[in-house]
Amino acid sequence: MWGAKMLIDFNKVQAITIQGMNNGTGEMTARMFADKGGKIIPCSIHSGSSIGLHSHKTSDDINYVISGTGKAICDENEELLTAGCCHICKKGSKHTIINTGNEDLVLITVVVER
């Protein structure tokens, strides 16, 4: 996937704002590194916003919570998200992530193609 020695400085990666990610609500801000092996995405789902329900046909989606509160619904199973939790949506599953708090839900998302 990624080389043995590689530094990705996300301070130098332009942040983008996405409205209604995967037909979700509100907006999120993200910086992204991508190659053929997957993606690394530090992101913030803003208060009152969500990433819409979508499936992962070719990858695992790993979401580590830095701060904020929310919930993930994966294959109809609801999980509460708080700082230090990690939500994993396995290849072949579908999920949504919803910010349920008053502050940004800050995540580091790693998408692993397989």
C-alpha atoms as a PDB file:
ATOM      1  CA  MET A   1       0.000   0.000   0.000  1.00  0.00           C
ATOM      2  CA  TRP A   2       2.229   2.864   1.214  1.00  0.00           C
ATOM      3  CA  GLY A   3       6.012   2.911   1.075  1.00  0.00           C
ATOM      4  CA  ALA A   4       8.095   2.013   4.132  1.00  0.00           C
ATOM      5  CA  LYS A   5       9.388   5.578   4.550  1.00  0.00           C
ATOM      6  CA  MET A   6       6.805   8.196   3.770  1.00  0.00           C
ATOM      7  CA  LEU A   7       5.828  11.442   5.443  1.00  0.00           C
ATOM      8  CA  ILE A   8       2.501  13.026   4.632  1.00  0.00           C
ATOM      9  CA  ASP A   9       2.291  16.584   5.967  1.00  0.00           C
ATOM     10  CA  PHE A  10      -1.426  17.319   6.048  1.00  0.00           C
ATOM     11  CA  ASN A  11      -0.602  20.922   7.027  1.00  0.00           C
ATOM     12  CA  LYS A  12       0.442  21.302   3.386  1.00  0.00           C
ATOM     13  CA  VAL A  13      -2.649  19.590   1.930  1.00  0.00           C
ATOM     14  CA  GLN A  14      -5.446  21.972   0.970  1.00  0.00           C
ATOM     15  CA  ALA A  15      -8.642  21.492   2.969  1.00  0.00           C
ATOM     16  CA  ILE A  16     -11.848  21.111   0.980  1.00  0.00           C
ATOM     17  CA  THR A  17     -15.415  21.608   2.165  1.00  0.00           C
ATOM     18  CA  ILE A  18     -17.942  19.060   0.964  1.00  0.00           C
ATOM     19  CA  GLN A  19     -21.683  19.678   1.023  1.00  0.00           C
ATOM     20  CA  GLY A  20     -23.935  16.645   1.594  1.00  0.00           C
ATOM     21  CA  MET A  21     -21.236  13.935   1.388  1.00  0.00           C
ATOM     22  CA  ASN A  22     -22.850  10.769  -0.067  1.00  0.00           C
ATOM     23  CA  ASN A  23     -26.252  12.502   0.114  1.00  0.00           C
ATOM     24  CA  GLY A  24     -25.781  13.272   3.801  1.00  0.00           C
ATOM     25  CA  THR A  25     -26.742  16.527   5.489  1.00  0.00           C
ATOM     26  CA  GLY A  26     -24.753  19.697   6.099  1.00  0.00           C
ATOM     27  CA  GLU A  27     -21.059  19.850   5.394  1.00  0.00           C
ATOM     28  CA  MET A  28     -17.690  18.445   6.280  1.00  0.00           C
ATOM     29  CA  THR A  29     -14.132  19.645   5.836  1.00  0.00           C
ATOM     30  CA  ALA A  30     -11.380  17.230   4.797  1.00  0.00           C
ATOM     31  CA  ARG A  31      -7.781  16.918   3.671  1.00  0.00           C
ATOM     32  CA  MET A  32      -6.936  13.791   1.688  1.00  0.00           C
ATOM     33  CA  PHE A  33      -3.992  11.704   0.584  1.00  0.00           C
ATOM     34  CA  ALA A  34      -4.844   8.978  -1.953  1.00  0.00           C
ATOM     35  CA  ASP A  35      -2.999   6.351  -3.954  1.00  0.00           C
ATOM     36  CA  LYS A  36      -3.916   2.973  -5.461  1.00  0.00           C
ATOM     37  CA  GLY A  37      -3.768   1.311  -2.017  1.00  0.00           C
ATOM     38  CA  GLY A  38      -6.250   3.608  -0.331  1.00  0.00           C
ATOM     39  CA  LYS A  39      -6.770   6.987   1.299  1.00  0.00           C
ATOM     40  CA  ILE A  40      -5.939   8.791   4.520  1.00  0.00           C
ATOM     41  CA  ILE A  41      -8.451  11.528   5.339  1.00  0.00           C
ATOM     42  CA  PRO A  42      -8.309  13.762   8.404  1.00  0.00           C
ATOM     43  CA  CYS A  43     -11.788  15.304   8.458  1.00  0.00           C
ATOM     44  CA  SER A  44     -14.373  17.199  10.481  1.00  0.00           C
ATOM     45  CA  ILE A  45     -18.073  16.496  10.179  1.00  0.00           C
ATOM     46  CA  HIS A  46     -19.617  19.773  11.304  1.00  0.00           C
ATOM     47  CA  SER A  47     -22.360  19.991  13.932  1.00  0.00           C
ATOM     48  CA  GLY A  48     -25.735  18.862  12.569  1.00  0.00           C
ATOM     49  CA  SER A  49     -24.102  17.165   9.574  1.00  0.00           C
ATOM     50  CA  SER A  50     -23.739  13.595   8.371  1.00  0.00           C
ATOM     51  CA  ILE A  51     -22.122  11.399   5.763  1.00  0.00           C
ATOM     52  CA  GLY A  52     -24.967   9.656   3.964  1.00  0.00           C
ATOM     53  CA  LEU A  53     -25.496   5.905   3.812  1.00  0.00           C
ATOM     54  CA  HIS A  54     -23.076   4.350   1.325  1.00  0.00           C
ATOM     55  CA  SER A  55     -21.452   0.974   0.698  1.00  0.00           C
ATOM     56  CA  HIS A  56     -17.829  -0.102   0.587  1.00  0.00           C
ATOM     57  CA  LYS A  57     -17.549  -2.546  -2.304  1.00  0.00           C
ATOM     58  CA  THR A  58     -13.744  -2.597  -2.640  1.00  0.00           C
ATOM     59  CA  SER A  59     -12.371  -1.355   0.674  1.00  0.00           C
ATOM     60  CA  ASP A  60     -12.443  -1.319   4.462  1.00  0.00           C
ATOM     61  CA  ASP A  61     -13.198   2.104   5.969  1.00  0.00           C
ATOM     62  CA  ILE A  62     -11.530   2.757   9.343  1.00  0.00           C
ATOM     63  CA  ASN A  63     -12.663   5.860  11.267  1.00  0.00           C
ATOM     64  CA  TYR A  64     -10.761   6.876  14.407  1.00  0.00           C
ATOM     65  CA  VAL A  65     -12.478   9.575  16.490  1.00  0.00           C
ATOM     66  CA  ILE A  66     -10.215  12.403  17.665  1.00  0.00           C
ATOM     67  CA  SER A  67     -12.938  14.551  19.258  1.00  0.00           C
ATOM     68  CA  GLY A  68     -16.661  15.199  19.275  1.00  0.00           C
ATOM     69  CA  THR A  69     -19.621  12.862  19.498  1.00  0.00           C
ATOM     70  CA  GLY A  70     -21.660  11.039  16.946  1.00  0.00           C
ATOM     71  CA  LYS A  71     -22.996   7.723  15.810  1.00  0.00           C
ATOM     72  CA  ALA A  72     -22.261   5.307  13.034  1.00  0.00           C
ATOM     73  CA  ILE A  73     -24.838   2.946  11.614  1.00  0.00           C
ATOM     74  CA  CYS A  74     -23.196   0.002   9.861  1.00  0.00           C
ATOM     75  CA  ASP A  75     -25.371  -2.733   8.347  1.00  0.00           C
ATOM     76  CA  GLU A  76     -28.213  -1.461  10.582  1.00  0.00           C
ATOM     77  CA  ASN A  77     -26.125  -1.734  13.796  1.00  0.00           C
ATOM     78  CA  GLU A  78     -25.776   1.565  15.667  1.00  0.00           C
ATOM     79  CA  GLU A  79     -22.498   2.482  17.369  1.00  0.00           C
ATOM     80  CA  LEU A  80     -21.864   5.548  19.552  1.00  0.00           C
ATOM     81  CA  LEU A  81     -18.768   7.522  18.619  1.00  0.00           C
ATOM     82  CA  THR A  82     -16.625   9.396  21.157  1.00  0.00           C
ATOM     83  CA  ALA A  83     -12.959  10.388  21.315  1.00  0.00           C
ATOM     84  CA  GLY A  84     -10.709   7.323  21.267  1.00  0.00           C
ATOM     85  CA  CYS A  85     -13.257   5.044  19.542  1.00  0.00           C
ATOM     86  CA  CYS A  86     -12.652   3.435  16.174  1.00  0.00           C
ATOM     87  CA  HIS A  87     -15.540   2.527  13.830  1.00  0.00           C
ATOM     88  CA  ILE A  88     -14.710   0.037  11.073  1.00  0.00           C
ATOM     89  CA  CYS A  89     -16.935  -0.557   8.060  1.00  0.00           C
ATOM     90  CA  LYS A  90     -15.680  -3.742   6.396  1.00  0.00           C
ATOM     91  CA  LYS A  91     -15.617  -4.380   2.663  1.00  0.00           C
ATOM     92  CA  GLY A  92     -19.115  -5.348   1.520  1.00  0.00           C
ATOM     93  CA  SER A  93     -20.852  -3.355   4.269  1.00  0.00           C
ATOM     94  CA  LYS A  94     -22.656  -0.032   4.185  1.00  0.00           C
ATOM     95  CA  HIS A  95     -22.654   2.741   6.738  1.00  0.00           C
ATOM     96  CA  THR A  96     -23.439   6.326   7.659  1.00  0.00           C
ATOM     97  CA  ILE A  97     -21.753   8.623  10.179  1.00  0.00           C
ATOM     98  CA  ILE A  98     -23.771  11.317  11.969  1.00  0.00           C
ATOM     99  CA  ASN A  99     -22.492  14.158  14.146  1.00  0.00           C
ATOM    100  CA  THR A 100     -24.861  14.198  17.146  1.00  0.00           C
ATOM    101  CA  GLY A 101     -22.984  16.843  19.138  1.00  0.00           C
ATOM    102  CA  ASN A 102     -22.661  20.620  19.213  1.00  0.00           C
ATOM    103  CA  GLU A 103     -19.017  20.581  18.067  1.00  0.00           C
ATOM    104  CA  ASP A 104     -17.224  19.116  15.052  1.00  0.00           C
ATOM    105  CA  LEU A 105     -16.870  15.330  14.950  1.00  0.00           C
ATOM    106  CA  VAL A 106     -13.170  15.069  14.110  1.00  0.00           C
ATOM    107  CA  LEU A 107     -11.988  11.811  12.523  1.00  0.00           C
ATOM    108  CA  ILE A 108      -9.006  10.286  10.855  1.00  0.00           C
ATOM    109  CA  THR A 109     -10.361   7.990   8.177  1.00  0.00           C
ATOM    110  CA  VAL A 110      -8.191   5.331   6.535  1.00  0.00           C
ATOM    111  CA  VAL A 111      -9.613   3.584   3.479  1.00  0.00           C
ATOM    112  CA  VAL A 112      -7.814   0.335   2.685  1.00  0.00           C
ATOM    113  CA  GLU A 113      -8.427  -1.097  -0.798  1.00  0.00           C
ATOM    114  CA  ARG A 114      -8.543  -4.866  -0.940  1.00  0.00           C
END
